[in-house]
N, C-alpha and C. Protein backbone atom coordinates (compact mmCIF):
# COMPACT_ATOMS: atom_id res chain seq x y z
N MET A 1 7.02 -13.44 -12.57
CA MET A 1 6.57 -12.29 -13.11
C MET A 1 5.87 -12.32 -14.65
N LEU A 2 6.79 -12.70 -15.33
CA LEU A 2 6.19 -12.98 -16.87
C LEU A 2 4.90 -13.80 -17.06
N TYR A 3 4.91 -15.02 -16.19
CA TYR A 3 3.75 -15.78 -16.23
C TYR A 3 2.52 -15.14 -15.95
N ALA A 4 2.65 -14.44 -14.75
CA ALA A 4 1.28 -13.90 -14.10
C ALA A 4 1.06 -12.83 -15.17
N ALA A 5 2.03 -12.09 -15.90
CA ALA A 5 1.55 -10.98 -16.90
C ALA A 5 1.27 -11.46 -18.09
N THR A 6 1.26 -12.76 -18.60
CA THR A 6 1.16 -13.06 -20.05
C THR A 6 0.38 -14.31 -20.12
N SER A 7 0.13 -14.85 -19.34
CA SER A 7 -0.62 -16.26 -19.36
C SER A 7 -2.00 -16.16 -19.09
N PRO A 8 -2.71 -16.64 -20.16
CA PRO A 8 -4.25 -16.51 -20.35
C PRO A 8 -4.93 -17.24 -18.67
N GLU A 9 -3.90 -18.43 -18.26
CA GLU A 9 -4.51 -19.08 -17.15
C GLU A 9 -4.29 -18.05 -15.89
N ALA A 10 -3.46 -17.13 -16.07
CA ALA A 10 -3.06 -16.50 -14.69
C ALA A 10 -4.49 -15.85 -14.07
N GLU A 11 -4.70 -15.52 -12.87
CA GLU A 11 -5.98 -15.07 -12.41
C GLU A 11 -5.76 -13.92 -11.49
N GLN A 12 -6.42 -12.86 -11.63
CA GLN A 12 -6.51 -11.58 -10.83
C GLN A 12 -6.01 -11.90 -9.35
N GLY A 13 -5.02 -11.46 -8.75
CA GLY A 13 -4.76 -11.51 -7.29
C GLY A 13 -3.99 -12.90 -7.10
N GLY A 14 -3.56 -13.69 -7.99
CA GLY A 14 -3.28 -15.07 -7.99
C GLY A 14 -1.54 -14.75 -7.52
N TYR A 15 -0.90 -15.79 -6.64
CA TYR A 15 0.34 -15.61 -6.82
C TYR A 15 0.95 -16.97 -7.49
N TYR A 16 2.23 -16.56 -8.08
CA TYR A 16 2.82 -17.31 -8.90
C TYR A 16 4.29 -17.30 -8.76
N GLY A 17 4.83 -18.60 -9.01
CA GLY A 17 6.40 -18.72 -8.83
C GLY A 17 6.81 -20.06 -9.42
N PRO A 18 7.86 -20.45 -8.78
CA PRO A 18 8.47 -21.71 -9.54
C PRO A 18 7.66 -22.90 -8.70
N ARG A 19 7.30 -23.77 -9.47
CA ARG A 19 6.53 -25.13 -8.80
C ARG A 19 7.14 -25.75 -7.61
N TRP A 20 8.52 -25.96 -7.43
CA TRP A 20 9.11 -26.49 -6.42
C TRP A 20 9.77 -25.58 -5.56
N ALA A 21 9.39 -24.62 -5.04
CA ALA A 21 10.13 -23.64 -4.20
C ALA A 21 10.95 -22.39 -5.10
N LEU A 22 12.30 -23.18 -5.22
CA LEU A 22 13.26 -22.27 -5.95
C LEU A 22 13.32 -22.81 -7.53
N VAL A 23 12.90 -23.87 -7.96
CA VAL A 23 13.29 -24.25 -9.45
C VAL A 23 11.68 -24.92 -9.75
N GLY A 24 11.61 -24.98 -11.05
CA GLY A 24 10.56 -25.83 -11.86
C GLY A 24 9.89 -24.87 -12.47
N PRO A 25 8.90 -25.34 -13.35
CA PRO A 25 8.10 -24.42 -14.27
C PRO A 25 7.07 -23.52 -13.54
N PRO A 26 7.03 -22.28 -13.92
CA PRO A 26 6.16 -21.37 -13.27
C PRO A 26 4.61 -21.84 -13.11
N GLY A 27 4.15 -21.53 -12.03
CA GLY A 27 2.59 -21.61 -12.12
C GLY A 27 1.97 -21.20 -10.73
N PRO A 28 0.85 -21.51 -10.40
CA PRO A 28 0.31 -21.23 -8.98
C PRO A 28 0.67 -21.59 -8.31
N THR A 29 1.21 -20.95 -6.76
CA THR A 29 1.85 -21.45 -5.71
C THR A 29 1.24 -20.69 -4.46
N ARG A 30 1.52 -21.10 -3.30
CA ARG A 30 1.36 -20.56 -2.12
C ARG A 30 2.25 -19.64 -1.86
N PRO A 31 1.89 -18.18 -1.26
CA PRO A 31 2.89 -17.06 -0.82
C PRO A 31 3.36 -17.49 0.67
N PRO A 32 4.67 -17.02 0.91
CA PRO A 32 5.24 -17.29 2.15
C PRO A 32 4.40 -17.16 3.24
N LYS A 33 4.48 -17.56 4.60
CA LYS A 33 3.75 -16.77 5.53
C LYS A 33 3.91 -15.55 5.89
N LYS A 34 4.93 -15.02 5.79
CA LYS A 34 5.62 -13.53 5.85
C LYS A 34 4.80 -12.72 4.72
N GLY A 35 4.56 -13.40 3.54
CA GLY A 35 3.88 -12.52 2.67
C GLY A 35 2.55 -12.37 2.86
N LEU A 36 1.84 -13.14 4.12
CA LEU A 36 0.35 -12.90 4.30
C LEU A 36 0.13 -11.98 5.43
N ASP A 37 1.33 -11.40 6.02
CA ASP A 37 1.14 -10.57 7.26
C ASP A 37 0.69 -9.21 7.07
N ARG A 38 -0.60 -9.04 7.35
CA ARG A 38 -1.21 -7.80 7.01
C ARG A 38 -0.67 -6.58 7.57
N ASP A 39 -0.07 -6.63 8.85
CA ASP A 39 0.37 -5.91 9.81
C ASP A 39 1.74 -5.26 9.28
N ALA A 40 2.63 -6.27 8.53
CA ALA A 40 3.95 -6.23 8.20
C ALA A 40 3.79 -5.38 6.81
N ALA A 41 2.61 -5.74 6.03
CA ALA A 41 2.27 -4.99 4.55
C ALA A 41 1.89 -3.61 4.96
N ALA A 42 1.03 -3.39 5.94
CA ALA A 42 0.75 -1.91 6.23
C ALA A 42 1.89 -1.12 6.74
N ARG A 43 2.84 -1.57 7.68
CA ARG A 43 4.11 -0.72 7.99
C ARG A 43 4.87 -0.77 6.65
N LEU A 44 5.22 -1.51 5.84
CA LEU A 44 5.93 -1.50 4.84
C LEU A 44 5.38 -0.37 3.92
N ARG A 45 4.00 -0.34 3.49
CA ARG A 45 3.23 0.46 2.55
C ARG A 45 3.50 1.81 3.31
N ALA A 46 3.22 2.11 4.64
CA ALA A 46 3.37 3.44 5.27
C ALA A 46 4.86 3.96 5.09
N ALA A 47 5.85 3.12 5.20
CA ALA A 47 7.31 3.34 5.29
C ALA A 47 7.66 3.92 4.02
N ALA A 48 7.27 2.92 2.92
CA ALA A 48 7.71 3.26 1.67
C ALA A 48 6.90 4.38 1.08
N SER A 49 5.71 4.83 1.44
CA SER A 49 4.82 5.70 0.79
C SER A 49 5.70 7.20 1.38
N GLU A 50 5.91 7.41 2.60
CA GLU A 50 6.64 8.40 3.28
C GLU A 50 8.40 8.56 2.64
N ARG A 51 8.69 7.61 2.52
CA ARG A 51 10.16 7.74 1.95
C ARG A 51 10.01 8.55 0.48
N LEU A 52 9.21 7.79 -0.10
CA LEU A 52 9.05 8.24 -1.75
C LEU A 52 8.54 9.44 -1.83
N THR A 53 7.60 9.88 -1.16
CA THR A 53 6.72 11.06 -1.16
C THR A 53 7.10 12.09 -0.26
N GLY A 54 7.83 11.83 0.79
CA GLY A 54 8.28 13.02 1.89
C GLY A 54 7.22 13.53 2.64
N VAL A 55 6.04 12.88 2.63
CA VAL A 55 4.99 13.19 3.57
C VAL A 55 4.55 12.10 4.22
N SER A 56 4.52 12.43 5.40
CA SER A 56 3.87 11.38 6.45
C SER A 56 2.46 10.98 6.57
N VAL A 57 2.00 9.82 6.94
CA VAL A 57 0.54 9.49 6.82
C VAL A 57 -0.01 10.33 7.89
N GLN A 58 0.68 10.71 9.09
CA GLN A 58 0.01 11.47 9.83
C GLN A 58 -0.21 12.92 9.38
N ALA A 59 0.62 13.41 8.81
CA ALA A 59 0.42 14.77 8.19
C ALA A 59 -0.86 14.83 7.34
N CYS A 60 -0.92 13.78 6.47
CA CYS A 60 -1.80 13.84 5.28
C CYS A 60 -3.16 13.74 6.22
N THR A 61 -3.17 12.88 7.25
CA THR A 61 -4.60 12.64 8.09
C THR A 61 -4.97 14.13 8.80
N ARG A 62 -3.89 14.52 9.28
CA ARG A 62 -4.39 15.90 9.96
C ARG A 62 -5.01 16.83 9.16
N SER A 63 -4.17 16.99 7.85
CA SER A 63 -4.55 17.93 6.71
C SER A 63 -5.84 17.73 6.26
N PHE A 64 -6.01 16.33 5.78
CA PHE A 64 -7.56 16.21 5.61
C PHE A 64 -8.46 16.48 6.50
N ALA A 65 -8.22 16.10 7.74
CA ALA A 65 -9.34 16.30 8.68
C ALA A 65 -9.56 17.96 8.79
N LEU A 66 -8.76 18.81 8.80
CA LEU A 66 -8.50 20.35 8.88
C LEU A 66 -9.43 20.85 7.63
N ALA A 67 -9.28 20.10 6.33
CA ALA A 67 -9.62 20.54 5.31
C ALA A 67 -11.17 20.25 5.10
N ALA A 68 -11.47 19.17 5.76
CA ALA A 68 -13.00 18.67 5.87
C ALA A 68 -13.93 19.36 6.77
N MET A 69 -13.36 20.19 7.69
CA MET A 69 -14.01 20.82 8.86
C MET A 69 -14.68 22.01 8.26
N PRO A 70 -15.74 22.30 8.77
CA PRO A 70 -16.27 23.65 8.57
C PRO A 70 -15.54 24.60 9.13
N ALA A 71 -15.47 25.86 8.19
CA ALA A 71 -14.47 27.06 8.75
C ALA A 71 -14.88 27.53 10.28
N TRP A 72 -16.01 27.51 10.56
CA TRP A 72 -16.05 27.81 12.06
C TRP A 72 -15.76 26.96 13.14
N ARG A 73 -15.17 25.60 12.63
CA ARG A 73 -14.85 24.73 13.62
C ARG A 73 -13.04 24.75 13.63
N VAL A 74 -12.49 25.03 12.60
CA VAL A 74 -11.21 25.07 12.56
C VAL A 74 -10.55 26.18 13.41
N PRO A 75 -9.58 25.76 14.06
CA PRO A 75 -9.13 26.96 15.28
C PRO A 75 -8.77 28.53 14.57
N GLN A 76 -8.90 29.49 15.22
CA GLN A 76 -8.65 30.87 14.34
C GLN A 76 -6.93 30.76 13.88
N SER A 77 -6.16 30.01 14.76
CA SER A 77 -4.69 30.11 14.31
C SER A 77 -4.46 29.45 13.14
N ARG A 78 -5.30 28.51 12.57
CA ARG A 78 -5.05 27.37 11.63
C ARG A 78 -5.87 28.07 10.52
N ARG A 79 -6.92 28.86 10.49
CA ARG A 79 -7.61 29.34 9.21
C ARG A 79 -7.08 30.16 8.25
N ASP A 80 -6.09 30.57 8.32
CA ASP A 80 -5.31 31.27 7.17
C ASP A 80 -4.41 30.24 6.45
N SER A 81 -3.93 29.10 7.25
CA SER A 81 -3.14 28.00 6.38
C SER A 81 -3.74 26.95 6.33
N ARG A 82 -5.17 26.96 5.97
CA ARG A 82 -5.94 25.70 5.57
C ARG A 82 -5.67 25.19 4.26
N LEU A 83 -5.26 26.21 3.30
CA LEU A 83 -5.22 25.74 1.67
C LEU A 83 -3.58 25.90 1.38
């Protein structure tokens, strides 16, 4: 991580680590296959966000949808609790 933060050769979005898997000088390397799994990344991001903030992604989506609706489309029972 120090190499990526301080080296002038480090590129934005690059992946850096030991040259020979677990040992060696730091430099550009390929991330492990599990690190490229976008579905796993999305699940991890959602779980970590919910754990750290205490707010579920579904709750945010519903609240945003209600806030974006014109008042006449919001169900009467929800109008007072919009804000």
